Amino acid sequence: MRHRLRGRSFSRKSAHRKAMFENLAAALIKHEQIRTTLPKAKDLRPFVERLITIGKHGGLAGRRRAIAALQDAGLADKLMTILAQRYAARAGGYTRIIKAGVPLRRQCCDGADRAGRPRSRGQGQRFRPNWN
């Protein structure tokens, strides 16, 4: 029974799962939108939102935590400057999941649902996904 067990295992050990989410988060911060499977996107959301909140708080300790999670000082700098300013007025909900359209809906090998992970819109901006 799976009582009181949170999250998905994705048939991976905990270290592999942690590395997978760190890599997905780094790709999302670098490109600001990615394509992945729907369950991975749903489990990635709290990880990325926590990183953006760390970036908004700023400070040396936060920068070091961001570098440790993203494995890249340049991405941590982008998180602490550009993204922190973009979401300064927002209290949460920095990311959203958009299910992929009909041609990209299913993954070719296992038939898993696909999703895009765009950043949430700033004030007055309309989101146009680039699924190419």
Protein backbone atom coordinates (compact mmCIF):
# COMPACT_ATOMS: atom_id res chain seq x y z
CA MET A 1 0.00 0.00 0.00
CA ARG A 2 1.18 3.50 -0.80
CA HIS A 3 -0.37 5.31 2.17
CA ARG A 4 1.30 8.65 2.96
CA LEU A 5 3.86 8.32 0.16
CA ARG A 6 4.31 11.49 -1.89
CA GLY A 7 5.71 11.94 -5.34
CA ARG A 8 6.55 9.45 -8.02
CA SER A 9 9.56 7.20 -8.20
CA PHE A 10 9.82 7.16 -12.04
CA SER A 11 11.49 3.74 -11.64
CA ARG A 12 14.69 5.47 -10.55
CA LYS A 13 16.74 5.52 -7.39
CA SER A 14 16.56 8.67 -5.29
CA ALA A 15 19.95 10.01 -6.44
CA HIS A 16 19.01 9.54 -10.09
CA ARG A 17 15.63 11.19 -9.51
CA LYS A 18 17.30 14.16 -7.78
CA ALA A 19 19.78 14.55 -10.64
CA MET A 20 16.96 14.31 -13.19
CA PHE A 21 15.02 17.13 -11.52
CA GLU A 22 18.14 19.28 -11.19
CA ASN A 23 18.84 18.84 -14.91
CA LEU A 24 15.22 19.57 -15.88
CA ALA A 25 15.21 22.67 -13.67
CA ALA A 26 18.48 23.88 -15.18
CA ALA A 27 17.08 23.40 -18.70
CA LEU A 28 13.87 25.21 -17.76
CA ILE A 29 15.72 28.19 -16.31
CA LYS A 30 18.11 28.32 -19.26
CA HIS A 31 15.53 28.02 -22.07
CA GLU A 32 12.48 29.24 -20.10
CA GLN A 33 10.34 26.46 -21.56
CA ILE A 34 10.90 22.73 -22.07
CA ARG A 35 9.02 19.68 -23.30
CA THR A 36 8.78 16.62 -21.07
CA THR A 37 6.26 14.03 -19.97
CA LEU A 38 3.25 15.16 -17.96
CA PRO A 39 4.13 13.35 -14.68
CA LYS A 40 7.68 14.74 -14.73
CA ALA A 41 6.34 18.22 -15.38
CA LYS A 42 3.94 17.94 -12.45
CA ASP A 43 6.69 16.81 -10.10
CA LEU A 44 9.14 19.43 -11.42
CA ARG A 45 6.85 22.37 -10.62
CA PRO A 46 7.45 22.57 -6.82
CA PHE A 47 11.21 22.09 -7.34
CA VAL A 48 11.43 25.06 -9.73
CA GLU A 49 9.08 27.24 -7.69
CA ARG A 50 11.29 26.71 -4.64
CA LEU A 51 14.34 27.78 -6.67
CA ILE A 52 12.61 30.95 -7.88
CA THR A 53 11.62 31.79 -4.30
CA ILE A 54 15.25 31.33 -3.24
CA GLY A 55 16.23 33.69 -6.06
CA LYS A 56 13.70 36.28 -4.91
CA HIS A 57 15.03 36.23 -1.35
CA GLY A 58 18.56 36.79 -2.64
CA GLY A 59 21.67 36.80 -0.46
CA LEU A 60 24.87 34.85 -0.55
CA ALA A 61 23.41 31.72 1.06
CA GLY A 62 20.58 31.68 -1.49
CA ARG A 63 23.02 32.08 -4.36
CA ARG A 64 25.07 29.15 -3.05
CA ARG A 65 21.94 27.00 -2.71
CA ALA A 66 20.96 27.87 -6.30
CA ILE A 67 24.45 27.02 -7.59
CA ALA A 68 24.34 23.70 -5.71
CA ALA A 69 20.95 22.82 -7.22
CA LEU A 70 21.61 24.03 -10.78
CA GLN A 71 25.32 23.13 -11.03
CA ASP A 72 25.93 26.35 -12.99
CA ALA A 73 26.84 29.80 -11.65
CA GLY A 74 25.52 31.51 -14.80
CA LEU A 75 22.07 29.99 -14.37
CA ALA A 76 22.09 30.90 -10.68
CA ASP A 77 22.92 34.48 -11.67
CA LYS A 78 20.00 34.52 -14.14
CA LEU A 79 17.75 33.15 -11.40
CA MET A 80 18.86 35.78 -8.88
CA THR A 81 18.65 38.77 -11.23
CA ILE A 82 16.36 38.38 -14.24
CA LEU A 83 13.80 35.91 -12.90
CA ALA A 84 13.74 37.41 -9.41
CA GLN A 85 12.87 40.83 -10.88
CA ARG A 86 10.30 39.33 -13.24
CA TYR A 87 8.39 37.63 -10.41
CA ALA A 88 8.99 40.16 -7.63
CA ALA A 89 5.31 41.12 -7.40
CA ARG A 90 4.00 37.55 -7.69
CA ALA A 91 3.49 35.55 -4.50
CA GLY A 92 3.75 32.12 -6.14
CA GLY A 93 2.60 30.14 -9.15
CA TYR A 94 5.59 31.06 -11.30
CA THR A 95 5.22 28.12 -13.67
CA ARG A 96 2.38 26.47 -15.47
CA ILE A 97 1.91 23.18 -17.31
CA ILE A 98 0.45 23.19 -20.79
CA LYS A 99 -0.46 19.85 -22.30
CA ALA A 100 1.09 19.34 -25.72
CA GLY A 101 -1.14 19.59 -28.77
CA VAL A 102 -2.48 16.66 -30.77
CA PRO A 103 0.63 15.89 -32.92
CA LEU A 104 2.94 16.00 -29.90
CA ARG A 105 0.46 14.59 -27.37
CA ARG A 106 1.95 11.11 -27.01
CA GLN A 107 5.54 10.01 -26.72
CA CYS A 108 6.54 7.67 -29.53
CA CYS A 109 7.94 4.72 -27.54
CA ASP A 110 5.80 4.30 -24.44
CA GLY A 111 2.78 6.46 -25.27
CA ALA A 112 3.23 8.77 -22.26
CA ASP A 113 1.40 12.11 -22.27
CA ARG A 114 3.65 15.05 -23.12
CA ALA A 115 3.57 18.52 -21.65
CA GLY A 116 5.32 21.81 -22.11
CA ARG A 117 6.67 23.66 -19.09
CA PRO A 118 6.62 27.34 -19.96
CA ARG A 119 7.31 30.10 -17.52
CA SER A 120 4.24 31.95 -16.39
CA ARG A 121 3.47 35.23 -18.08
CA GLY A 122 4.56 38.57 -16.78
CA GLN A 123 2.06 41.39 -16.53
CA GLY A 124 0.44 42.13 -19.89
CA GLN A 125 2.34 39.45 -21.85
CA ARG A 126 0.65 36.76 -23.87
CA PHE A 127 2.32 33.35 -23.91
CA ARG A 128 2.98 31.76 -27.29
CA PRO A 129 4.58 28.32 -26.90
CA ASN A 130 7.36 27.32 -29.26
CA TRP A 131 7.00 23.54 -29.57
CA ASN A 132 9.62 23.14 -32.31
